[in-house]
N, C-alpha and C. Protein backbone atom coordinates (compact mmCIF):
# COMPACT_ATOMS: atom_id res chain seq x y z
N LEU A 1 -4.59 33.78 35.76
CA LEU A 1 -5.65 32.80 35.55
C LEU A 1 -6.84 33.23 36.39
N GLU A 2 -8.02 33.28 35.81
CA GLU A 2 -9.23 33.64 36.55
C GLU A 2 -10.40 32.83 36.03
N THR A 3 -11.46 32.77 36.80
CA THR A 3 -12.65 32.07 36.35
C THR A 3 -13.60 33.07 35.71
N GLY A 4 -14.36 32.60 34.76
CA GLY A 4 -15.37 33.43 34.11
C GLY A 4 -16.57 32.55 33.82
N GLY A 5 -17.51 32.49 34.74
CA GLY A 5 -18.65 31.58 34.57
C GLY A 5 -18.19 30.15 34.73
N ASP A 6 -18.33 29.35 33.68
CA ASP A 6 -17.92 27.94 33.73
C ASP A 6 -16.57 27.72 33.08
N CYS A 7 -15.78 28.79 32.93
CA CYS A 7 -14.49 28.63 32.26
C CYS A 7 -13.38 29.36 33.03
N TYR A 8 -12.18 29.06 32.65
CA TYR A 8 -11.01 29.73 33.18
C TYR A 8 -10.40 30.58 32.07
N VAL A 9 -9.86 31.72 32.45
CA VAL A 9 -9.21 32.61 31.50
C VAL A 9 -7.76 32.75 31.92
N ALA A 10 -6.84 32.51 30.99
CA ALA A 10 -5.40 32.64 31.26
C ALA A 10 -4.81 33.63 30.26
N VAL A 11 -3.80 34.36 30.69
CA VAL A 11 -3.19 35.39 29.85
C VAL A 11 -1.68 35.22 29.87
N THR A 12 -1.04 35.36 28.71
CA THR A 12 0.42 35.41 28.65
C THR A 12 0.82 36.74 28.03
N GLY A 13 2.04 37.17 28.31
CA GLY A 13 2.52 38.43 27.74
C GLY A 13 1.88 39.65 28.35
N PHE A 14 1.45 39.53 29.60
CA PHE A 14 0.79 40.65 30.27
C PHE A 14 1.23 40.68 31.72
N PRO A 15 1.66 41.74 32.30
CA PRO A 15 1.65 43.10 31.74
C PRO A 15 2.84 43.39 30.83
N ASP A 16 3.85 42.54 30.84
CA ASP A 16 5.02 42.77 29.99
C ASP A 16 4.87 42.00 28.69
N PRO A 17 4.75 42.69 27.56
CA PRO A 17 4.59 42.01 26.27
C PRO A 17 5.72 41.02 26.00
N ARG A 18 5.37 39.90 25.38
CA ARG A 18 6.35 38.88 24.99
C ARG A 18 6.11 38.52 23.54
N ILE A 19 7.16 38.40 22.79
CA ILE A 19 7.03 38.04 21.38
C ILE A 19 6.52 36.61 21.23
N ASP A 20 6.80 35.76 22.22
CA ASP A 20 6.39 34.35 22.15
C ASP A 20 5.11 34.06 22.93
N HIS A 21 4.27 35.07 23.14
CA HIS A 21 3.06 34.88 23.96
C HIS A 21 2.14 33.79 23.40
N ALA A 22 2.01 33.73 22.08
CA ALA A 22 1.12 32.72 21.48
C ALA A 22 1.68 31.31 21.66
N VAL A 23 2.98 31.17 21.50
CA VAL A 23 3.63 29.87 21.68
C VAL A 23 3.45 29.40 23.13
N LEU A 24 3.64 30.31 24.07
CA LEU A 24 3.47 29.96 25.49
C LEU A 24 2.04 29.52 25.78
N MET A 25 1.07 30.21 25.19
CA MET A 25 -0.33 29.86 25.44
C MET A 25 -0.67 28.50 24.85
N VAL A 26 -0.16 28.20 23.67
CA VAL A 26 -0.42 26.89 23.06
C VAL A 26 0.23 25.79 23.90
N ARG A 27 1.43 26.02 24.39
CA ARG A 27 2.07 25.02 25.27
C ARG A 27 1.25 24.81 26.54
N PHE A 28 0.75 25.91 27.11
CA PHE A 28 -0.09 25.81 28.30
C PHE A 28 -1.36 25.02 27.99
N ALA A 29 -1.99 25.30 26.85
CA ALA A 29 -3.22 24.59 26.47
C ALA A 29 -2.95 23.10 26.27
N ARG A 30 -1.85 22.76 25.63
CA ARG A 30 -1.51 21.35 25.42
C ARG A 30 -1.26 20.65 26.76
N HIS A 31 -0.62 21.36 27.69
CA HIS A 31 -0.38 20.81 29.03
C HIS A 31 -1.70 20.56 29.74
N ILE A 32 -2.62 21.51 29.65
CA ILE A 32 -3.94 21.35 30.27
C ILE A 32 -4.65 20.14 29.67
N LEU A 33 -4.62 19.99 28.35
CA LEU A 33 -5.27 18.85 27.70
C LEU A 33 -4.67 17.53 28.16
N SER A 34 -3.35 17.50 28.29
CA SER A 34 -2.67 16.29 28.75
C SER A 34 -3.08 15.94 30.18
N LYS A 35 -3.10 16.94 31.06
CA LYS A 35 -3.49 16.70 32.46
C LYS A 35 -4.96 16.29 32.55
N PHE A 36 -5.81 16.87 31.70
CA PHE A 36 -7.23 16.51 31.71
C PHE A 36 -7.42 15.06 31.30
N GLU A 37 -6.70 14.64 30.28
CA GLU A 37 -6.77 13.25 29.84
C GLU A 37 -6.31 12.30 30.95
N GLU A 38 -5.24 12.67 31.62
CA GLU A 38 -4.72 11.88 32.75
C GLU A 38 -5.77 11.81 33.86
N LEU A 39 -6.39 12.93 34.17
CA LEU A 39 -7.40 12.99 35.23
C LEU A 39 -8.61 12.12 34.89
N THR A 40 -9.12 12.22 33.66
CA THR A 40 -10.30 11.44 33.31
C THR A 40 -10.01 9.93 33.32
N LYS A 41 -8.80 9.54 32.93
CA LYS A 41 -8.44 8.12 33.00
C LYS A 41 -8.43 7.63 34.44
N ASN A 42 -7.87 8.44 35.34
CA ASN A 42 -7.85 8.07 36.76
C ASN A 42 -9.26 8.04 37.34
N LEU A 43 -10.09 9.01 36.99
CA LEU A 43 -11.46 9.03 37.49
C LEU A 43 -12.28 7.87 36.94
N GLU A 44 -12.00 7.48 35.71
CA GLU A 44 -12.71 6.35 35.11
C GLU A 44 -12.46 5.07 35.91
N VAL A 45 -11.24 4.89 36.39
CA VAL A 45 -10.90 3.73 37.21
C VAL A 45 -11.62 3.81 38.56
N LEU A 46 -11.63 5.01 39.14
CA LEU A 46 -12.24 5.19 40.47
C LEU A 46 -13.76 5.23 40.44
N LEU A 47 -14.34 5.90 39.43
CA LEU A 47 -15.77 6.19 39.46
C LEU A 47 -16.59 5.47 38.38
N GLY A 48 -15.94 4.86 37.42
CA GLY A 48 -16.68 4.14 36.38
C GLY A 48 -16.56 4.78 35.01
N LEU A 49 -17.08 4.05 34.01
CA LEU A 49 -16.93 4.45 32.61
C LEU A 49 -17.59 5.77 32.26
N ASP A 50 -18.66 6.16 32.96
CA ASP A 50 -19.34 7.41 32.63
C ASP A 50 -18.43 8.63 32.79
N THR A 51 -17.40 8.48 33.58
CA THR A 51 -16.46 9.59 33.79
C THR A 51 -15.76 9.96 32.48
N ALA A 52 -15.63 9.04 31.57
CA ALA A 52 -14.99 9.30 30.28
C ALA A 52 -15.80 10.30 29.45
N ASP A 53 -17.05 10.56 29.83
CA ASP A 53 -17.89 11.53 29.11
C ASP A 53 -17.50 12.97 29.40
N LEU A 54 -16.64 13.20 30.39
CA LEU A 54 -16.20 14.57 30.68
C LEU A 54 -15.44 15.12 29.49
N SER A 55 -15.58 16.41 29.25
CA SER A 55 -14.87 17.02 28.13
C SER A 55 -14.35 18.40 28.53
N ILE A 56 -13.47 18.91 27.70
CA ILE A 56 -12.88 20.22 27.93
C ILE A 56 -12.77 20.91 26.58
N ARG A 57 -12.90 22.23 26.60
CA ARG A 57 -12.70 22.99 25.37
C ARG A 57 -11.73 24.13 25.66
N ILE A 58 -10.94 24.45 24.68
CA ILE A 58 -9.94 25.51 24.82
C ILE A 58 -10.05 26.43 23.61
N GLY A 59 -10.10 27.72 23.87
CA GLY A 59 -10.08 28.72 22.81
C GLY A 59 -8.91 29.65 23.06
N ILE A 60 -8.27 30.10 22.01
CA ILE A 60 -7.11 30.98 22.16
C ILE A 60 -7.37 32.25 21.35
N HIS A 61 -7.15 33.39 21.99
CA HIS A 61 -7.27 34.69 21.34
C HIS A 61 -5.94 35.40 21.46
N SER A 62 -5.52 36.06 20.42
CA SER A 62 -4.30 36.85 20.45
C SER A 62 -4.66 38.27 20.05
N GLY A 63 -4.31 39.21 20.90
CA GLY A 63 -4.62 40.60 20.60
C GLY A 63 -4.54 41.46 21.84
N LEU A 64 -5.02 42.67 21.71
CA LEU A 64 -4.95 43.63 22.81
C LEU A 64 -5.93 43.28 23.92
N VAL A 65 -5.54 43.58 25.15
CA VAL A 65 -6.39 43.38 26.33
C VAL A 65 -6.31 44.62 27.20
N THR A 66 -7.28 44.74 28.08
CA THR A 66 -7.25 45.76 29.12
C THR A 66 -7.49 45.04 30.44
N ALA A 67 -6.95 45.58 31.52
CA ALA A 67 -7.07 44.88 32.79
C ALA A 67 -7.11 45.87 33.94
N GLY A 68 -7.61 45.40 35.07
CA GLY A 68 -7.64 46.22 36.27
C GLY A 68 -8.34 45.50 37.40
N VAL A 69 -8.34 46.11 38.55
CA VAL A 69 -9.01 45.55 39.73
C VAL A 69 -10.46 45.99 39.70
N VAL A 70 -11.39 45.03 39.91
CA VAL A 70 -12.82 45.34 39.90
C VAL A 70 -13.45 44.94 41.22
N HIS A 71 -14.55 45.59 41.55
CA HIS A 71 -15.35 45.38 42.76
C HIS A 71 -14.61 45.87 44.01
N ARG A 72 -15.37 46.40 44.92
CA ARG A 72 -14.77 46.87 46.17
C ARG A 72 -14.68 45.72 47.17
N GLU A 73 -15.78 44.99 47.29
CA GLU A 73 -15.76 43.83 48.18
C GLU A 73 -15.28 42.64 47.35
N ARG A 74 -14.44 41.84 47.92
CA ARG A 74 -13.87 40.69 47.22
C ARG A 74 -13.25 41.11 45.89
N ALA A 75 -12.45 42.14 45.93
CA ALA A 75 -11.81 42.67 44.73
C ALA A 75 -10.99 41.59 44.04
N HIS A 76 -10.96 41.63 42.72
CA HIS A 76 -10.15 40.71 41.96
C HIS A 76 -9.66 41.40 40.68
N PHE A 77 -8.66 40.82 40.09
CA PHE A 77 -8.07 41.35 38.87
C PHE A 77 -8.84 40.79 37.70
N ASN A 78 -9.21 41.63 36.74
CA ASN A 78 -9.97 41.20 35.58
C ASN A 78 -9.25 41.63 34.31
N CYS A 79 -9.26 40.78 33.31
CA CYS A 79 -8.60 41.05 32.03
C CYS A 79 -9.62 40.81 30.93
N SER A 80 -9.79 41.77 30.03
CA SER A 80 -10.78 41.66 28.95
C SER A 80 -10.14 41.93 27.60
N VAL A 81 -10.65 41.26 26.58
CA VAL A 81 -10.18 41.44 25.21
C VAL A 81 -10.73 42.76 24.69
N ILE A 82 -9.90 43.52 23.99
CA ILE A 82 -10.33 44.75 23.33
C ILE A 82 -10.73 44.39 21.91
N GLN A 83 -11.97 44.68 21.53
CA GLN A 83 -12.46 44.34 20.19
C GLN A 83 -12.45 45.54 19.29
């Protein structure tokens, strides 16, 4: 899991390929949606009705990726879709 601008990127089936990678990602996405709904309901009680305006979007891609460590200072692992 990594951040990319205003979003998070998660990968399944990497580095070891899994036949069920898409199923795992959909389960993960549904879990995130469920937790987000729970969070916004709790925030609505604490902070007011405007909190219900928060939203989330999820996109899923299935295909080849490449990955590696980038940057010398504050190095991090990066994974990109191969088009």
